[in-house]
Amino acid sequence: MTITVREAVAELPVAEEDRTGYWRDAFRHWVDADRDGCSTRNEVLIEEAVTPPMVGARCSLAGGLWHSYYDDVDQASARSLDIDHMVPLAEAWDSK
């Protein structure tokens, strides 16, 4: 069966949000899920770079260039960049 995106969205359940039990610290921060030495943050930075950074010991990043599609600005400092969730954790929790 094939349906349109509009039909699929219309079928999503709607309910009041409930933040009961939410605790931000329960979610580990920047893990190395595949155990390759790079945290999720650095893996995203490597993947999203316009000019790839050099990856050093313990996955330290040097150089590289990133482009923001939101404000059309290039950034050459990985430390200046925020990597965030497409859906904030608290919002995802509320919508469980």
PDB file of N, CA and C in Angstrom:
ATOM      1  N   MET A   1       0.835  -1.178   0.000  1.00  0.00           N
ATOM      2  CA  MET A   1       0.000   0.000   0.000  1.00  0.00           C
ATOM      3  C   MET A   1       0.884   1.248   0.000  1.00  0.00           C
ATOM      4  N   THR A   2       0.583   2.174  -0.840  1.00  0.00           N
ATOM      5  CA  THR A   2       1.321   3.428  -0.912  1.00  0.00           C
ATOM      6  C   THR A   2       0.390   4.568  -0.516  1.00  0.00           C
ATOM      7  N   ILE A   3       0.909   5.446   0.351  1.00  0.00           N
ATOM      8  CA  ILE A   3       0.135   6.630   0.730  1.00  0.00           C
ATOM      9  C   ILE A   3       1.030   7.855   0.598  1.00  0.00           C
ATOM     10  N   THR A   4       0.417   9.004   0.540  1.00  0.00           N
ATOM     11  CA  THR A   4       1.181  10.247   0.421  1.00  0.00           C
ATOM     12  C   THR A   4       1.735  10.640   1.788  1.00  0.00           C
ATOM     13  N   VAL A   5       2.715  11.519   1.785  1.00  0.00           N
ATOM     14  CA  VAL A   5       3.265  12.020   3.042  1.00  0.00           C
ATOM     15  C   VAL A   5       2.162  12.709   3.843  1.00  0.00           C
ATOM     16  N   ARG A   6       1.338  13.475   3.180  1.00  0.00           N
ATOM     17  CA  ARG A   6       0.231  14.170   3.859  1.00  0.00           C
ATOM     18  C   ARG A   6      -0.684  13.166   4.569  1.00  0.00           C
ATOM     19  N   GLU A   7      -0.982  12.058   3.907  1.00  0.00           N
ATOM     20  CA  GLU A   7      -1.829  11.031   4.522  1.00  0.00           C
ATOM     21  C   GLU A   7      -1.119  10.370   5.707  1.00  0.00           C
ATOM     22  N   ALA A   8       0.167  10.107   5.556  1.00  0.00           N
ATOM     23  CA  ALA A   8       0.932   9.481   6.637  1.00  0.00           C
ATOM     24  C   ALA A   8       0.980  10.387   7.862  1.00  0.00           C
ATOM     25  N   VAL A   9       1.213  11.675   7.650  1.00  0.00           N
ATOM     26  CA  VAL A   9       1.252  12.621   8.768  1.00  0.00           C
ATOM     27  C   VAL A   9      -0.122  12.704   9.429  1.00  0.00           C
ATOM     28  N   ALA A  10      -1.168  12.692   8.650  1.00  0.00           N
ATOM     29  CA  ALA A  10      -2.529  12.765   9.203  1.00  0.00           C
ATOM     30  C   ALA A  10      -2.841  11.557  10.080  1.00  0.00           C
ATOM     31  N   GLU A  11      -2.165  10.429   9.840  1.00  0.00           N
ATOM     32  CA  GLU A  11      -2.412   9.219  10.628  1.00  0.00           C
ATOM     33  C   GLU A  11      -1.589   9.145  11.910  1.00  0.00           C
ATOM     34  N   LEU A  12      -0.651  10.073  12.108  1.00  0.00           N
ATOM     35  CA  LEU A  12       0.160  10.062  13.327  1.00  0.00           C
ATOM     36  C   LEU A  12      -0.718  10.357  14.544  1.00  0.00           C
ATOM     37  N   PRO A  13      -0.505   9.627  15.632  1.00  0.00           N
ATOM     38  CA  PRO A  13      -1.297   9.900  16.834  1.00  0.00           C
ATOM     39  C   PRO A  13      -0.912  11.250  17.442  1.00  0.00           C
ATOM     40  N   VAL A  14      -1.873  11.927  18.016  1.00  0.00           N
ATOM     41  CA  VAL A  14      -1.651  13.211  18.676  1.00  0.00           C
ATOM     42  C   VAL A  14      -2.024  13.036  20.136  1.00  0.00           C
ATOM     43  N   ALA A  15      -1.115  13.451  21.022  1.00  0.00           N
ATOM     44  CA  ALA A  15      -1.372  13.319  22.458  1.00  0.00           C
ATOM     45  C   ALA A  15      -0.696  14.470  23.188  1.00  0.00           C
ATOM     46  N   GLU A  16      -1.111  14.714  24.409  1.00  0.00           N
ATOM     47  CA  GLU A  16      -0.469  15.726  25.241  1.00  0.00           C
ATOM     48  C   GLU A  16       0.964  15.287  25.526  1.00  0.00           C
ATOM     49  N   GLU A  17       1.875  16.251  25.585  1.00  0.00           N
ATOM     50  CA  GLU A  17       3.256  15.937  25.917  1.00  0.00           C
ATOM     51  C   GLU A  17       3.364  15.655  27.411  1.00  0.00           C
ATOM     52  N   ASP A  18       4.316  14.793  27.763  1.00  0.00           N
ATOM     53  CA  ASP A  18       4.511  14.427  29.162  1.00  0.00           C
ATOM     54  C   ASP A  18       6.004  14.311  29.434  1.00  0.00           C
ATOM     55  N   ARG A  19       6.544  15.237  30.222  1.00  0.00           N
ATOM     56  CA  ARG A  19       7.972  15.238  30.527  1.00  0.00           C
ATOM     57  C   ARG A  19       8.277  14.463  31.810  1.00  0.00           C
ATOM     58  N   THR A  20       7.304  13.782  32.373  1.00  0.00           N
ATOM     59  CA  THR A  20       7.511  13.002  33.589  1.00  0.00           C
ATOM     60  C   THR A  20       8.660  12.017  33.400  1.00  0.00           C
ATOM     61  N   GLY A  21       9.608  12.042  34.304  1.00  0.00           N
ATOM     62  CA  GLY A  21      10.728  11.115  34.255  1.00  0.00           C
ATOM     63  C   GLY A  21      11.897  11.570  33.415  1.00  0.00           C
ATOM     64  N   TYR A  22      11.752  12.677  32.687  1.00  0.00           N
ATOM     65  CA  TYR A  22      12.858  13.149  31.849  1.00  0.00           C
ATOM     66  C   TYR A  22      13.979  13.702  32.717  1.00  0.00           C
ATOM     67  N   TRP A  23      15.210  13.295  32.408  1.00  0.00           N
ATOM     68  CA  TRP A  23      16.388  13.789  33.098  1.00  0.00           C
ATOM     69  C   TRP A  23      17.514  13.825  32.089  1.00  0.00           C
ATOM     70  N   ARG A  24      17.980  14.991  31.704  1.00  0.00           N
ATOM     71  CA  ARG A  24      18.966  15.143  30.633  1.00  0.00           C
ATOM     72  C   ARG A  24      20.210  14.304  30.891  1.00  0.00           C
ATOM     73  N   ASP A  25      20.650  14.221  32.128  1.00  0.00           N
ATOM     74  CA  ASP A  25      21.869  13.479  32.431  1.00  0.00           C
ATOM     75  C   ASP A  25      21.738  11.972  32.199  1.00  0.00           C
ATOM     76  N   ALA A  26      20.523  11.488  31.973  1.00  0.00           N
ATOM     77  CA  ALA A  26      20.330  10.064  31.687  1.00  0.00           C
ATOM     78  C   ALA A  26      20.810   9.715  30.276  1.00  0.00           C
ATOM     79  N   PHE A  27      21.017  10.731  29.439  1.00  0.00           N
ATOM     80  CA  PHE A  27      21.459  10.518  28.072  1.00  0.00           C
ATOM     81  C   PHE A  27      22.952  10.806  27.994  1.00  0.00           C
ATOM     82  N   ARG A  28      23.724   9.809  27.664  1.00  0.00           N
ATOM     83  CA  ARG A  28      25.177   9.969  27.576  1.00  0.00           C
ATOM     84  C   ARG A  28      25.529  11.000  26.516  1.00  0.00           C
ATOM     85  N   HIS A  29      26.604  11.715  26.764  1.00  0.00           N
ATOM     86  CA  HIS A  29      26.985  12.825  25.910  1.00  0.00           C
ATOM     87  C   HIS A  29      28.214  12.468  25.081  1.00  0.00           C
ATOM     88  N   TRP A  30      28.125  12.590  23.792  1.00  0.00           N
ATOM     89  CA  TRP A  30      29.222  12.379  22.856  1.00  0.00           C
ATOM     90  C   TRP A  30      29.953  11.052  23.056  1.00  0.00           C
ATOM     91  N   VAL A  31      29.214  10.004  22.921  1.00  0.00           N
ATOM     92  CA  VAL A  31      29.784   8.664  23.051  1.00  0.00           C
ATOM     93  C   VAL A  31      30.545   8.276  21.778  1.00  0.00           C
ATOM     94  N   ASP A  32      31.355   7.256  21.890  1.00  0.00           N
ATOM     95  CA  ASP A  32      32.047   6.666  20.754  1.00  0.00           C
ATOM     96  C   ASP A  32      31.387   5.309  20.505  1.00  0.00           C
ATOM     97  N   ALA A  33      30.206   5.335  19.928  1.00  0.00           N
ATOM     98  CA  ALA A  33      29.382   4.135  19.790  1.00  0.00           C
ATOM     99  C   ALA A  33      30.074   3.022  19.006  1.00  0.00           C
ATOM    100  N   ASP A  34      30.827   3.380  17.972  1.00  0.00           N
ATOM    101  CA  ASP A  34      31.481   2.339  17.166  1.00  0.00           C
ATOM    102  C   ASP A  34      32.909   2.050  17.635  1.00  0.00           C
ATOM    103  N   ARG A  35      33.319   2.705  18.703  1.00  0.00           N
ATOM    104  CA  ARG A  35      34.622   2.478  19.342  1.00  0.00           C
ATOM    105  C   ARG A  35      35.801   2.613  18.382  1.00  0.00           C
ATOM    106  N   ASP A  36      35.698   3.616  17.515  1.00  0.00           N
ATOM    107  CA  ASP A  36      36.808   3.852  16.590  1.00  0.00           C
ATOM    108  C   ASP A  36      37.722   4.980  17.062  1.00  0.00           C
ATOM    109  N   GLY A  37      37.480   5.494  18.275  1.00  0.00           N
ATOM    110  CA  GLY A  37      38.311   6.555  18.831  1.00  0.00           C
ATOM    111  C   GLY A  37      37.758   7.949  18.643  1.00  0.00           C
ATOM    112  N   CYS A  38      36.688   8.096  17.847  1.00  0.00           N
ATOM    113  CA  CYS A  38      36.073   9.401  17.611  1.00  0.00           C
ATOM    114  C   CYS A  38      34.694   9.456  18.251  1.00  0.00           C
ATOM    115  N   SER A  39      34.440  10.536  18.971  1.00  0.00           N
ATOM    116  CA  SER A  39      33.110  10.728  19.552  1.00  0.00           C
ATOM    117  C   SER A  39      32.108  11.015  18.439  1.00  0.00           C
ATOM    118  N   THR A  40      30.845  10.901  18.759  1.00  0.00           N
ATOM    119  CA  THR A  40      29.801  11.208  17.782  1.00  0.00           C
ATOM    120  C   THR A  40      29.965  12.625  17.257  1.00  0.00           C
ATOM    121  N   ARG A  41      30.306  13.568  18.148  1.00  0.00           N
ATOM    122  CA  ARG A  41      30.488  14.959  17.738  1.00  0.00           C
ATOM    123  C   ARG A  41      31.553  15.060  16.647  1.00  0.00           C
ATOM    124  N   ASN A  42      32.711  14.459  16.882  1.00  0.00           N
ATOM    125  CA  ASN A  42      33.777  14.548  15.887  1.00  0.00           C
ATOM    126  C   ASN A  42      33.425  13.802  14.611  1.00  0.00           C
ATOM    127  N   GLU A  43      32.717  12.707  14.716  1.00  0.00           N
ATOM    128  CA  GLU A  43      32.304  11.985  13.507  1.00  0.00           C
ATOM    129  C   GLU A  43      31.369  12.843  12.655  1.00  0.00           C
ATOM    130  N   VAL A  44      30.466  13.579  13.306  1.00  0.00           N
ATOM    131  CA  VAL A  44      29.572  14.483  12.568  1.00  0.00           C
ATOM    132  C   VAL A  44      30.396  15.589  11.917  1.00  0.00           C
ATOM    133  N   LEU A  45      31.334  16.166  12.659  1.00  0.00           N
ATOM    134  CA  LEU A  45      32.175  17.228  12.098  1.00  0.00           C
ATOM    135  C   LEU A  45      32.972  16.726  10.894  1.00  0.00           C
ATOM    136  N   ILE A  46      33.525  15.548  10.981  1.00  0.00           N
ATOM    137  CA  ILE A  46      34.291  14.972   9.864  1.00  0.00           C
ATOM    138  C   ILE A  46      33.370  14.761   8.663  1.00  0.00           C
ATOM    139  N   GLU A  47      32.214  14.199   8.903  1.00  0.00           N
ATOM    140  CA  GLU A  47      31.262  13.896   7.822  1.00  0.00           C
ATOM    141  C   GLU A  47      30.725  15.154   7.143  1.00  0.00           C
ATOM    142  N   GLU A  48      30.485  16.197   7.923  1.00  0.00           N
ATOM    143  CA  GLU A  48      29.843  17.406   7.393  1.00  0.00           C
ATOM    144  C   GLU A  48      30.823  18.447   6.865  1.00  0.00           C
ATOM    145  N   ALA A  49      32.118  18.201   6.975  1.00  0.00           N
ATOM    146  CA  ALA A  49      33.113  19.180   6.540  1.00  0.00           C
ATOM    147  C   ALA A  49      33.095  19.361   5.026  1.00  0.00           C
ATOM    148  N   VAL A  50      33.203  20.595   4.595  1.00  0.00           N
ATOM    149  CA  VAL A  50      33.354  20.912   3.176  1.00  0.00           C
ATOM    150  C   VAL A  50      34.787  20.589   2.766  1.00  0.00           C
ATOM    151  N   THR A  51      35.727  20.975   3.603  1.00  0.00           N
ATOM    152  CA  THR A  51      37.132  20.584   3.472  1.00  0.00           C
ATOM    153  C   THR A  51      37.450  19.747   4.698  1.00  0.00           C
ATOM    154  N   PRO A  52      37.730  18.465   4.533  1.00  0.00           N
ATOM    155  CA  PRO A  52      37.921  17.591   5.691  1.00  0.00           C
ATOM    156  C   PRO A  52      39.067  18.049   6.601  1.00  0.00           C
ATOM    157  N   PRO A  53      38.879  17.943   7.908  1.00  0.00           N
ATOM    158  CA  PRO A  53      39.961  18.269   8.829  1.00  0.00           C
ATOM    159  C   PRO A  53      40.962  17.124   8.881  1.00  0.00           C
ATOM    160  N   MET A  54      42.157  17.423   9.376  1.00  0.00           N
ATOM    161  CA  MET A  54      43.129  16.370   9.650  1.00  0.00           C
ATOM    162  C   MET A  54      42.714  15.749  10.978  1.00  0.00           C
ATOM    163  N   VAL A  55      42.737  14.424  11.052  1.00  0.00           N
ATOM    164  CA  VAL A  55      42.344  13.708  12.256  1.00  0.00           C
ATOM    165  C   VAL A  55      43.607  13.200  12.922  1.00  0.00           C
ATOM    166  N   GLY A  56      43.861  13.707  14.135  1.00  0.00           N
ATOM    167  CA  GLY A  56      45.074  13.346  14.844  1.00  0.00           C
ATOM    168  C   GLY A  56      44.826  12.324  15.937  1.00  0.00           C
ATOM    169  N   ALA A  57      45.787  12.236  16.835  1.00  0.00           N
ATOM    170  CA  ALA A  57      45.708  11.312  17.964  1.00  0.00           C
ATOM    171  C   ALA A  57      44.444  11.579  18.776  1.00  0.00           C
ATOM    172  N   ARG A  58      43.821  10.485  19.220  1.00  0.00           N
ATOM    173  CA  ARG A  58      42.585  10.547  20.013  1.00  0.00           C
ATOM    174  C   ARG A  58      41.496  11.354  19.308  1.00  0.00           C
ATOM    175  N   CYS A  59      41.540  11.330  17.967  1.00  0.00           N
ATOM    176  CA  CYS A  59      40.548  11.961  17.094  1.00  0.00           C
ATOM    177  C   CYS A  59      40.499  13.478  17.255  1.00  0.00           C
ATOM    178  N   SER A  60      41.646  14.089  17.558  1.00  0.00           N
ATOM    179  CA  SER A  60      41.682  15.549  17.596  1.00  0.00           C
ATOM    180  C   SER A  60      41.588  16.050  16.155  1.00  0.00           C
ATOM    181  N   LEU A  61      40.851  17.135  15.955  1.00  0.00           N
ATOM    182  CA  LEU A  61      40.643  17.674  14.613  1.00  0.00           C
ATOM    183  C   LEU A  61      41.442  18.953  14.430  1.00  0.00           C
ATOM    184  N   ALA A  62      42.098  19.076  13.278  1.00  0.00           N
ATOM    185  CA  ALA A  62      42.848  20.284  12.947  1.00  0.00           C
ATOM    186  C   ALA A  62      42.506  20.681  11.517  1.00  0.00           C
ATOM    187  N   GLY A  63      42.368  21.974  11.307  1.00  0.00           N
ATOM    188  CA  GLY A  63      42.008  22.450   9.974  1.00  0.00           C
ATOM    189  C   GLY A  63      40.566  22.111   9.659  1.00  0.00           C
ATOM    190  N   GLY A  64      40.254  22.068   8.418  1.00  0.00           N
ATOM    191  CA  GLY A  64      38.892  21.765   7.984  1.00  0.00           C
ATOM    192  C   GLY A  64      38.089  23.027   7.762  1.00  0.00           C
ATOM    193  N   LEU A  65      36.991  22.882   7.052  1.00  0.00           N
ATOM    194  CA  LEU A  65      36.091  23.993   6.775  1.00  0.00           C
ATOM    195  C   LEU A  65      34.672  23.451   6.749  1.00  0.00           C
ATOM    196  N   TRP A  66      33.749  24.177   7.367  1.00  0.00           N
ATOM    197  CA  TRP A  66      32.345  23.799   7.422  1.00  0.00           C
ATOM    198  C   TRP A  66      31.511  24.951   6.909  1.00  0.00           C
ATOM    199  N   HIS A  67      30.408  24.623   6.259  1.00  0.00           N
ATOM    200  CA  HIS A  67      29.519  25.647   5.699  1.00  0.00           C
ATOM    201  C   HIS A  67      28.149  25.543   6.346  1.00  0.00           C
ATOM    202  N   SER A  68      27.642  26.673   6.797  1.00  0.00           N
ATOM    203  CA  SER A  68      26.298  26.729   7.367  1.00  0.00           C
ATOM    204  C   SER A  68      25.306  27.080   6.266  1.00  0.00           C
ATOM    205  N   TYR A  69      24.407  26.154   6.004  1.00  0.00           N
ATOM    206  CA  TYR A  69      23.379  26.400   4.993  1.00  0.00           C
ATOM    207  C   TYR A  69      22.310  27.351   5.519  1.00  0.00           C
ATOM    208  N   TYR A  70      22.247  27.530   6.826  1.00  0.00           N
ATOM    209  CA  TYR A  70      21.240  28.397   7.434  1.00  0.00           C
ATOM    210  C   TYR A  70      21.542  29.873   7.212  1.00  0.00           C
ATOM    211  N   ASP A  71      22.824  30.258   7.339  1.00  0.00           N
ATOM    212  CA  ASP A  71      23.174  31.675   7.178  1.00  0.00           C
ATOM    213  C   ASP A  71      24.252  31.901   6.119  1.00  0.00           C
ATOM    214  N   ASP A  72      24.593  30.855   5.353  1.00  0.00           N
ATOM    215  CA  ASP A  72      25.547  30.934   4.247  1.00  0.00           C
ATOM    216  C   ASP A  72      26.915  31.455   4.698  1.00  0.00           C
ATOM    217  N   VAL A  73      27.397  30.926   5.832  1.00  0.00           N
ATOM    218  CA  VAL A  73      28.681  31.337   6.397  1.00  0.00           C
ATOM    219  C   VAL A  73      29.597  30.124   6.505  1.00  0.00           C
ATOM    220  N   ASP A  74      30.875  30.330   6.184  1.00  0.00           N
ATOM    221  CA  ASP A  74      31.878  29.279   6.359  1.00  0.00           C
ATOM    222  C   ASP A  74      32.540  29.441   7.715  1.00  0.00           C
ATOM    223  N   GLN A  75      32.926  28.331   8.315  1.00  0.00           N
ATOM    224  CA  GLN A  75      33.574  28.334   9.628  1.00  0.00           C
ATOM    225  C   GLN A  75      34.782  27.416   9.544  1.00  0.00           C
ATOM    226  N   ALA A  76      35.933  27.915  10.013  1.00  0.00           N
ATOM    227  CA  ALA A  76      37.157  27.127   9.939  1.00  0.00           C
ATOM    228  C   ALA A  76      37.591  26.584  11.295  1.00  0.00           C
ATOM    229  N   SER A  77      36.792  26.782  12.317  1.00  0.00           N
ATOM    230  CA  SER A  77      37.143  26.300  13.655  1.00  0.00           C
ATOM    231  C   SER A  77      36.102  25.307  14.147  1.00  0.00           C
ATOM    232  N   ALA A  78      36.505  24.044  14.252  1.00  0.00           N
ATOM    233  CA  ALA A  78      35.575  23.013  14.734  1.00  0.00           C
ATOM    234  C   ALA A  78      35.067  23.337  16.133  1.00  0.00           C
ATOM    235  N   ARG A  79      35.904  23.938  16.954  1.00  0.00           N
ATOM    236  CA  ARG A  79      35.509  24.280  18.328  1.00  0.00           C
ATOM    237  C   ARG A  79      34.405  25.323  18.377  1.00  0.00           C
ATOM    238  N   SER A  80      34.256  26.082  17.307  1.00  0.00           N
ATOM    239  CA  SER A  80      33.225  27.128  17.262  1.00  0.00           C
ATOM    240  C   SER A  80      31.866  26.591  16.841  1.00  0.00           C
ATOM    241  N   LEU A  81      31.808  25.330  16.478  1.00  0.00           N
ATOM    242  CA  LEU A  81      30.572  24.759  15.951  1.00  0.00           C
ATOM    243  C   LEU A  81      29.818  23.974  17.015  1.00  0.00           C
ATOM    244  N   ASP A  82      28.499  24.080  16.961  1.00  0.00           N
ATOM    245  CA  ASP A  82      27.627  23.279  17.818  1.00  0.00           C
ATOM    246  C   ASP A  82      27.041  22.158  16.983  1.00  0.00           C
ATOM    247  N   ILE A  83      27.034  20.981  17.550  1.00  0.00           N
ATOM    248  CA  ILE A  83      26.375  19.838  16.922  1.00  0.00           C
ATOM    249  C   ILE A  83      25.173  19.552  17.801  1.00  0.00           C
ATOM    250  N   ASP A  84      24.008  19.536  17.227  1.00  0.00           N
ATOM    251  CA  ASP A  84      22.813  19.371  18.046  1.00  0.00           C
ATOM    252  C   ASP A  84      21.892  18.338  17.418  1.00  0.00           C
ATOM    253  N   HIS A  85      20.891  17.985  18.155  1.00  0.00           N
ATOM    254  CA  HIS A  85      19.898  17.016  17.701  1.00  0.00           C
ATOM    255  C   HIS A  85      18.937  17.681  16.726  1.00  0.00           C
ATOM    256  N   MET A  86      18.448  16.925  15.775  1.00  0.00           N
ATOM    257  CA  MET A  86      17.416  17.448  14.891  1.00  0.00           C
ATOM    258  C   MET A  86      16.134  17.681  15.682  1.00  0.00           C
ATOM    259  N   VAL A  87      15.910  16.839  16.674  1.00  0.00           N
ATOM    260  CA  VAL A  87      14.797  17.013  17.605  1.00  0.00           C
ATOM    261  C   VAL A  87      15.416  17.037  18.994  1.00  0.00           C
ATOM    262  N   PRO A  88      15.221  18.123  19.767  1.00  0.00           N
ATOM    263  CA  PRO A  88      15.791  18.170  21.111  1.00  0.00           C
ATOM    264  C   PRO A  88      15.363  16.964  21.942  1.00  0.00           C
ATOM    265  N   LEU A  89      16.278  16.485  22.787  1.00  0.00           N
ATOM    266  CA  LEU A  89      15.979  15.305  23.602  1.00  0.00           C
ATOM    267  C   LEU A  89      14.702  15.456  24.408  1.00  0.00           C
ATOM    268  N   ALA A  90      14.525  16.612  25.045  1.00  0.00           N
ATOM    269  CA  ALA A  90      13.331  16.810  25.872  1.00  0.00           C
ATOM    270  C   ALA A  90      12.058  16.708  25.025  1.00  0.00           C
ATOM    271  N   GLU A  91      12.089  17.252  23.821  1.00  0.00           N
ATOM    272  CA  GLU A  91      10.925  17.178  22.944  1.00  0.00           C
ATOM    273  C   GLU A  91      10.661  15.731  22.517  1.00  0.00           C
ATOM    274  N   ALA A  92      11.711  15.014  22.214  1.00  0.00           N
ATOM    275  CA  ALA A  92      11.554  13.603  21.848  1.00  0.00           C
ATOM    276  C   ALA A  92      10.971  12.816  23.024  1.00  0.00           C
ATOM    277  N   TRP A  93      11.454  13.127  24.234  1.00  0.00           N
ATOM    278  CA  TRP A  93      10.945  12.454  25.433  1.00  0.00           C
ATOM    279  C   TRP A  93       9.455  12.748  25.603  1.00  0.00           C
ATOM    280  N   ASP A  94       9.086  14.018  25.454  1.00  0.00           N
ATOM    281  CA  ASP A  94       7.681  14.431  25.608  1.00  0.00           C
ATOM    282  C   ASP A  94       6.782  13.711  24.620  1.00  0.00           C
ATOM    283  N   SER A  95       7.306  13.406  23.454  1.00  0.00           N
ATOM    284  CA  SER A  95       6.506  12.831  22.381  1.00  0.00           C
ATOM    285  C   SER A  95       6.566  11.320  22.310  1.00  0.00           C
ATOM    286  N   LYS A  96       7.095  10.684  23.333  1.00  0.00           N
ATOM    287  CA  LYS A  96       7.281   9.229  23.297  1.00  0.00           C
ATOM    288  C   LYS A  96       5.991   8.465  23.143  1.00  0.00           C
TER     289      LYS A  96
END
